Amino acid sequence: MNLNKNRIFSVLPAILALMIAVLISSNKYFVFLATLSTINAIAILGIVIISGLAGQLNLGQSAFVGLGAYTGAIMALRWGLPFWAAIPVTLFVAGLWGALMGVPALRLKGGPYLALVTQTFGEMVYLIIMNIEKFTGGPFGLLGISYPKIFGYEIKGGVPYMYLSIFFLIVCYWICQKVSKSSVGLVLNGIRESEDAEQSLGINTIRYKITAFVLSAMLGGISGLLYAPFVGYISPDQFRWNSSLLLVSGAIIGGMKSFGGAIVGAMVITCLPEALRLSDQYRMILYGLLVIFCLALLPDGIASLYGKSLKEIGAMLRKRCRELARESK
């Protein structure tokens, strides 16, 4: 349950090693999956901040991914502004909307009501994007989103864009680590454990919860900003509630309370459906069983297996099964 214990696989070196392996394979399909995994990982880091660190369930993360994607695309297509100019604007727009989502959720201490508020907020963003057709293209979306440039060199898809995504992931991961180890992270941990106890110490928990929502939204925005040029086409349907559930499932599988687990979870939700594509009618069933397995037997996700021997893992799973048996009585 310690968010600062992010030694998982020495995560970032392992990710970089994976990318090198992808380069050696020279397989464009694997490069595509690796890049998409990296982009998803940034969004899931935001879920770990708000849900794992602060204990506030968020089912609207894809709305912020959409806001980031549309902000960058509109600035590029409508106003001719470069990708890099969109970064501060995306952070501001996503952060502002994150604060707005946090306001109605301030009186809700987790649970289904907060989940409903965040999901409804995500649908509200979807409707707004659908109805401002002059900028967003409405249901038809936006096509032809250009790749970013550095000193006149266009970072096209494939390996160069994968490295760009890795760079952003490293920066976002580093920021999340710093936040978790700061006084803000300690207070958010306290809010997750007992918000009433934090308030009894005179801490303004409202301010810290808003901060968590803003940080989570900004990470979602950066993920969307990278996603739009990567796929070249965006539409409102790409950022609805089902996409948010997929991101949340990635956080659950990897480890809701681990930034390293967020990266592992992103790989699973991106690559596993592709690996199971041959058994199309059973693909979602198998994927759902994995989520249920993690919820039931690995509440701290795959990250909780790090550093354990097979014997220790077996003992941990048996202990969890006994706990579930007692709870069911």
Protein backbone atom coordinates (compact mmCIF):
# COMPACT_ATOMS: atom_id res chain seq x y z
CA MET A 1 0.00 0.00 0.00
CA ASN A 2 3.08 2.22 -0.07
CA LEU A 3 3.00 4.46 -3.11
CA ASN A 4 6.63 5.35 -2.65
CA LYS A 5 7.66 1.70 -3.15
CA ASN A 6 7.95 2.09 -6.90
CA ARG A 7 10.85 -0.24 -7.51
CA ILE A 8 8.54 -2.35 -9.67
CA PHE A 9 10.92 -3.96 -12.16
CA SER A 10 12.93 -0.70 -11.84
CA VAL A 11 10.04 0.25 -14.06
CA LEU A 12 11.37 2.89 -16.38
CA PRO A 13 14.62 1.07 -17.23
CA ALA A 14 12.51 -2.02 -17.95
CA ILE A 15 10.23 0.00 -20.23
CA LEU A 16 13.23 1.41 -22.07
CA ALA A 17 14.66 -2.10 -22.43
CA LEU A 18 11.35 -3.20 -23.92
CA MET A 19 11.46 -0.36 -26.42
CA ILE A 20 15.01 -1.32 -27.44
CA ALA A 21 13.81 -4.88 -27.96
CA VAL A 22 11.01 -3.52 -30.11
CA LEU A 23 13.54 -1.60 -32.19
CA ILE A 24 15.63 -4.72 -32.69
CA SER A 25 12.57 -6.60 -33.87
CA SER A 26 11.87 -3.85 -36.44
CA ASN A 27 8.21 -4.77 -36.29
CA LYS A 28 5.99 -1.75 -36.97
CA TYR A 29 3.04 -3.40 -35.26
CA PHE A 30 4.97 -3.88 -32.01
CA VAL A 31 6.19 -0.29 -32.21
CA PHE A 32 2.59 0.84 -32.56
CA LEU A 33 1.53 -1.16 -29.48
CA ALA A 34 4.50 0.08 -27.47
CA THR A 35 3.70 3.71 -28.30
CA LEU A 36 0.02 3.29 -27.48
CA SER A 37 0.93 1.58 -24.20
CA THR A 38 3.13 4.52 -23.27
CA ILE A 39 0.38 7.04 -24.03
CA ASN A 40 -2.15 5.02 -22.03
CA ALA A 41 0.31 4.78 -19.14
CA ILE A 42 0.37 8.58 -18.78
CA ALA A 43 -3.43 8.66 -18.47
CA ILE A 44 -3.38 5.80 -15.94
CA LEU A 45 -0.77 7.65 -13.86
CA GLY A 46 -3.48 10.29 -13.43
CA ILE A 47 -5.89 7.64 -12.14
CA VAL A 48 -3.28 6.47 -9.63
CA ILE A 49 -2.91 10.06 -8.39
CA ILE A 50 -6.62 10.63 -7.83
CA SER A 51 -7.83 7.12 -6.99
CA GLY A 52 -4.79 5.35 -5.58
CA LEU A 53 -3.14 8.23 -3.77
CA ALA A 54 -6.17 10.31 -2.76
CA GLY A 55 -8.81 7.55 -2.69
CA GLN A 56 -11.25 9.41 -4.97
CA LEU A 57 -12.75 7.07 -7.58
CA ASN A 58 -12.61 8.66 -11.03
CA LEU A 59 -14.55 7.21 -13.96
CA GLY A 60 -14.12 10.23 -16.21
CA GLN A 61 -10.42 10.17 -17.09
CA SER A 62 -11.02 9.66 -20.79
CA ALA A 63 -12.82 13.03 -20.86
CA PHE A 64 -9.52 14.73 -20.02
CA VAL A 65 -7.71 12.61 -22.60
CA GLY A 66 -10.29 13.93 -25.07
CA LEU A 67 -9.82 17.52 -23.92
CA GLY A 68 -6.07 17.21 -24.46
CA ALA A 69 -6.52 15.60 -27.86
CA TYR A 70 -8.97 18.23 -29.08
CA THR A 71 -7.00 21.15 -27.65
CA GLY A 72 -3.87 20.13 -29.54
CA ALA A 73 -5.79 19.24 -32.72
CA ILE A 74 -7.77 22.49 -32.79
CA MET A 75 -4.66 24.59 -32.22
CA ALA A 76 -2.87 22.77 -35.04
CA LEU A 77 -5.69 22.54 -37.59
CA ARG A 78 -7.64 25.74 -36.94
CA TRP A 79 -4.90 28.14 -35.88
CA GLY A 80 -1.73 26.60 -37.30
CA LEU A 81 0.05 26.52 -33.94
CA PRO A 82 2.75 23.93 -33.23
CA PHE A 83 2.46 20.94 -30.92
CA TRP A 84 4.80 22.48 -28.35
CA ALA A 85 2.65 25.60 -28.02
CA ALA A 86 -0.29 23.36 -27.18
CA ILE A 87 1.40 21.86 -24.11
CA PRO A 88 0.82 24.77 -21.68
CA VAL A 89 -2.65 25.39 -23.12
CA THR A 90 -3.55 21.71 -22.71
CA LEU A 91 -2.31 21.71 -19.11
CA PHE A 92 -4.40 24.81 -18.37
CA VAL A 93 -7.57 23.56 -20.08
CA ALA A 94 -7.40 20.08 -18.57
CA GLY A 95 -6.46 21.43 -15.14
CA LEU A 96 -9.34 23.92 -15.19
CA TRP A 97 -11.86 21.23 -16.10
CA GLY A 98 -10.33 18.96 -13.48
CA ALA A 99 -10.94 21.60 -10.85
CA LEU A 100 -14.53 22.01 -12.07
CA MET A 101 -15.10 18.26 -11.77
CA GLY A 102 -13.61 18.28 -8.30
CA VAL A 103 -16.00 20.94 -6.98
CA PRO A 104 -19.22 18.84 -6.97
CA ALA A 105 -17.24 15.86 -5.72
CA LEU A 106 -15.86 17.64 -2.64
CA ARG A 107 -18.63 16.49 -0.33
CA LEU A 108 -18.44 12.91 -1.56
CA LYS A 109 -15.89 10.75 0.25
CA GLY A 110 -15.36 8.15 -2.45
CA GLY A 111 -17.90 5.43 -3.18
CA PRO A 112 -20.55 5.01 -5.87
CA TYR A 113 -21.83 8.60 -5.71
CA LEU A 114 -18.42 10.01 -6.57
CA ALA A 115 -18.06 7.45 -9.36
CA LEU A 116 -21.42 8.57 -10.76
CA VAL A 117 -20.43 12.25 -10.62
CA THR A 118 -17.16 11.66 -12.47
CA GLN A 119 -18.81 9.47 -15.10
CA THR A 120 -21.55 12.05 -15.65
CA PHE A 121 -18.91 14.76 -15.97
CA GLY A 122 -17.20 12.72 -18.67
CA GLU A 123 -20.45 12.43 -20.60
CA MET A 124 -20.99 16.18 -20.25
CA VAL A 125 -17.60 16.82 -21.87
CA TYR A 126 -18.56 14.40 -24.65
CA LEU A 127 -21.77 16.35 -25.35
CA ILE A 128 -19.92 19.67 -25.39
CA ILE A 129 -17.39 18.33 -27.91
CA MET A 130 -20.25 16.95 -30.03
CA ASN A 131 -22.06 20.28 -30.17
CA ILE A 132 -19.30 22.82 -30.88
CA GLU A 133 -18.89 21.60 -34.45
CA LYS A 134 -17.17 24.77 -35.61
CA PHE A 135 -14.08 23.79 -33.66
CA THR A 136 -14.35 20.05 -33.05
CA GLY A 137 -16.08 18.85 -36.20
CA GLY A 138 -18.89 17.45 -34.05
CA PRO A 139 -19.64 13.76 -34.62
CA PHE A 140 -17.35 13.74 -37.67
CA GLY A 141 -14.27 14.54 -35.60
CA LEU A 142 -10.98 16.00 -36.84
CA LEU A 143 -8.73 14.46 -39.47
CA GLY A 144 -5.17 15.14 -40.63
CA ILE A 145 -3.59 16.09 -37.31
CA SER A 146 0.07 16.78 -38.00
CA TYR A 147 3.01 15.31 -36.12
CA PRO A 148 5.12 17.56 -33.88
CA LYS A 149 8.36 19.09 -35.16
CA ILE A 150 11.72 19.74 -33.50
CA PHE A 151 14.00 22.24 -35.24
CA GLY A 152 12.14 21.64 -38.48
CA TYR A 153 12.33 17.85 -38.21
CA GLU A 154 8.93 16.18 -38.18
CA ILE A 155 8.63 13.44 -35.56
CA LYS A 156 6.68 11.02 -37.69
CA GLY A 157 4.99 7.88 -36.47
CA GLY A 158 6.87 4.72 -35.62
CA VAL A 159 10.15 4.73 -33.71
CA PRO A 160 10.65 8.55 -33.42
CA TYR A 161 7.17 9.07 -32.01
CA MET A 162 7.66 6.14 -29.64
CA TYR A 163 10.73 7.86 -28.21
CA LEU A 164 8.82 11.12 -27.87
CA SER A 165 6.08 9.31 -25.92
CA ILE A 166 8.70 7.64 -23.71
CA PHE A 167 10.20 11.05 -22.95
CA PHE A 168 6.81 12.39 -21.82
CA LEU A 169 6.19 9.24 -19.77
CA ILE A 170 9.52 9.64 -17.98
CA VAL A 171 8.76 13.28 -17.14
CA CYS A 172 5.23 12.48 -15.93
CA TYR A 173 6.46 9.50 -13.90
CA TRP A 174 9.14 11.65 -12.26
CA ILE A 175 6.58 14.34 -11.38
CA CYS A 176 4.22 11.74 -9.89
CA GLN A 177 7.06 10.34 -7.78
CA LYS A 178 7.91 13.81 -6.50
CA VAL A 179 4.28 14.53 -5.66
CA SER A 180 3.83 11.25 -3.79
CA LYS A 181 6.92 11.94 -1.65
CA SER A 182 6.00 15.56 -0.94
CA SER A 183 3.82 16.96 1.82
CA VAL A 184 0.94 17.01 -0.69
CA GLY A 185 1.33 13.27 -1.23
CA LEU A 186 1.37 12.59 2.51
CA VAL A 187 -1.85 14.55 3.01
CA LEU A 188 -3.52 12.78 0.06
CA ASN A 189 -2.52 9.44 1.58
CA GLY A 190 -4.12 10.58 4.82
CA ILE A 191 -7.31 11.59 3.02
CA ARG A 192 -7.50 8.12 1.48
CA GLU A 193 -7.13 6.46 4.88
CA SER A 194 -9.38 8.83 6.85
CA GLU A 195 -10.47 12.25 5.65
CA ASP A 196 -12.12 12.99 8.99
CA ALA A 197 -8.82 12.41 10.79
CA GLU A 198 -7.08 14.84 8.43
CA GLN A 199 -9.73 17.48 9.03
CA SER A 200 -9.42 17.03 12.79
CA LEU A 201 -5.77 18.06 12.43
CA GLY A 202 -6.87 21.34 10.85
CA ILE A 203 -5.92 20.34 7.29
CA ASN A 204 -7.97 21.85 4.48
CA THR A 205 -8.76 18.60 2.69
CA ILE A 206 -10.85 20.37 0.04
CA ARG A 207 -7.79 22.18 -1.30
CA TYR A 208 -5.78 18.97 -1.48
CA LYS A 209 -8.57 17.02 -3.18
CA ILE A 210 -8.91 19.76 -5.81
CA THR A 211 -5.14 19.58 -6.33
CA ALA A 212 -5.38 15.81 -6.92
CA PHE A 213 -8.20 16.27 -9.45
CA VAL A 214 -6.18 18.95 -11.27
CA LEU A 215 -3.01 16.83 -11.42
CA SER A 216 -4.96 13.79 -12.61
CA ALA A 217 -6.70 15.85 -15.31
CA MET A 218 -3.41 17.34 -16.52
CA LEU A 219 -1.90 13.89 -16.97
CA GLY A 220 -4.98 12.85 -18.93
CA GLY A 221 -4.63 15.99 -21.07
CA ILE A 222 -0.98 15.26 -21.92
CA SER A 223 -1.96 11.70 -22.84
CA GLY A 224 -4.59 13.04 -25.24
CA LEU A 225 -2.20 15.60 -26.69
CA LEU A 226 0.14 12.76 -27.65
CA TYR A 227 -2.68 10.50 -28.82
CA ALA A 228 -4.15 12.88 -31.43
CA PRO A 229 -1.11 13.11 -33.78
CA PHE A 230 -0.33 9.44 -33.19
CA VAL A 231 -3.65 8.23 -34.64
CA GLY A 232 -4.19 11.21 -36.95
CA TYR A 233 -7.96 11.25 -36.42
CA ILE A 234 -10.08 11.87 -33.34
CA SER A 235 -13.83 11.77 -32.74
CA PRO A 236 -15.97 12.23 -29.60
CA ASP A 237 -16.79 8.51 -29.38
CA GLN A 238 -13.14 7.70 -28.69
CA PHE A 239 -13.35 9.42 -25.28
CA ARG A 240 -16.57 8.17 -23.72
CA TRP A 241 -17.18 6.30 -20.46
CA ASN A 242 -16.12 2.90 -21.86
CA SER A 243 -12.63 4.28 -22.51
CA SER A 244 -12.50 5.50 -18.91
CA LEU A 245 -13.43 2.03 -17.67
CA LEU A 246 -10.61 0.57 -19.74
CA LEU A 247 -8.12 2.97 -18.14
CA VAL A 248 -9.44 2.18 -14.66
CA SER A 249 -9.12 -1.54 -15.37
CA GLY A 250 -5.50 -0.92 -16.34
CA ALA A 251 -4.89 0.75 -12.98
CA ILE A 252 -6.58 -2.18 -11.18
CA ILE A 253 -4.58 -4.81 -13.07
CA GLY A 254 -1.24 -3.08 -12.63
CA GLY A 255 -1.80 -1.77 -9.13
CA MET A 256 -4.02 1.17 -8.19
CA LYS A 257 -1.50 2.37 -5.61
CA SER A 258 1.66 2.03 -7.67
CA PHE A 259 2.96 4.33 -10.38
CA GLY A 260 5.05 1.47 -11.71
CA GLY A 261 1.96 -0.71 -11.72
CA ALA A 262 0.20 1.92 -13.85
CA ILE A 263 2.76 1.35 -16.58
CA VAL A 264 2.43 -2.41 -16.32
CA GLY A 265 -1.36 -2.11 -16.41
CA ALA A 266 -1.18 0.08 -19.51
CA MET A 267 0.83 -2.60 -21.29
CA VAL A 268 -1.70 -5.26 -20.33
CA ILE A 269 -4.82 -3.36 -21.46
CA THR A 270 -3.12 -2.37 -24.72
CA CYS A 271 -1.40 -5.61 -25.68
CA LEU A 272 -3.58 -8.34 -24.17
CA PRO A 273 -6.70 -7.63 -26.28
CA GLU A 274 -4.47 -7.80 -29.37
CA ALA A 275 -2.94 -11.09 -28.24
CA LEU A 276 -6.44 -12.51 -27.74
CA ARG A 277 -7.80 -11.17 -31.02
CA LEU A 278 -7.61 -14.60 -32.69
CA SER A 279 -10.25 -15.87 -30.25
CA ASP A 280 -12.50 -12.92 -30.98
CA GLN A 281 -15.70 -14.18 -29.33
CA TYR A 282 -13.84 -15.03 -26.12
CA ARG A 283 -11.52 -12.03 -26.08
CA MET A 284 -13.54 -9.76 -23.81
CA ILE A 285 -14.54 -12.68 -21.59
CA LEU A 286 -10.90 -13.58 -20.95
CA TYR A 287 -10.04 -9.94 -20.44
CA GLY A 288 -12.90 -9.55 -17.93
CA LEU A 289 -11.77 -12.66 -16.06
CA LEU A 290 -8.32 -11.11 -15.66
CA VAL A 291 -9.82 -7.96 -14.12
CA ILE A 292 -11.97 -10.05 -11.75
CA PHE A 293 -8.94 -12.14 -10.81
CA CYS A 294 -6.94 -9.02 -9.91
CA LEU A 295 -9.84 -7.52 -7.96
CA ALA A 296 -10.37 -10.71 -5.98
CA LEU A 297 -6.88 -12.14 -5.49
CA LEU A 298 -4.50 -9.28 -6.27
CA PRO A 299 -6.13 -6.15 -4.81
CA ASP A 300 -2.81 -4.33 -5.15
CA GLY A 301 -2.38 -5.51 -8.74
CA ILE A 302 0.44 -7.20 -10.56
CA ALA A 303 2.82 -4.77 -8.88
CA SER A 304 2.32 -6.61 -5.58
CA LEU A 305 4.07 -9.67 -7.06
CA TYR A 306 7.37 -7.86 -7.44
CA GLY A 307 10.21 -9.28 -5.39
CA LYS A 308 8.30 -12.40 -4.34
CA SER A 309 9.26 -16.00 -5.04
CA LEU A 310 6.76 -18.47 -6.46
CA LYS A 311 6.36 -19.94 -2.98
CA GLU A 312 5.59 -16.51 -1.49
CA ILE A 313 3.14 -15.75 -4.29
CA GLY A 314 1.36 -19.06 -3.67
CA ALA A 315 1.14 -18.35 0.06
CA MET A 316 -0.19 -14.85 -0.63
CA LEU A 317 -2.90 -16.16 -2.96
CA ARG A 318 -3.93 -18.89 -0.50
CA LYS A 319 -4.17 -16.31 2.29
CA ARG A 320 -6.33 -14.10 0.08
CA CYS A 321 -8.60 -17.04 -0.77
CA ARG A 322 -9.08 -17.77 2.95
CA GLU A 323 -9.96 -14.11 3.56
CA LEU A 324 -12.54 -14.19 0.78
CA ALA A 325 -14.01 -17.41 2.16
CA ARG A 326 -14.41 -15.82 5.60
CA GLU A 327 -15.99 -12.69 4.12
CA SER A 328 -18.51 -14.75 2.16
CA LYS A 329 -19.83 -16.48 5.28
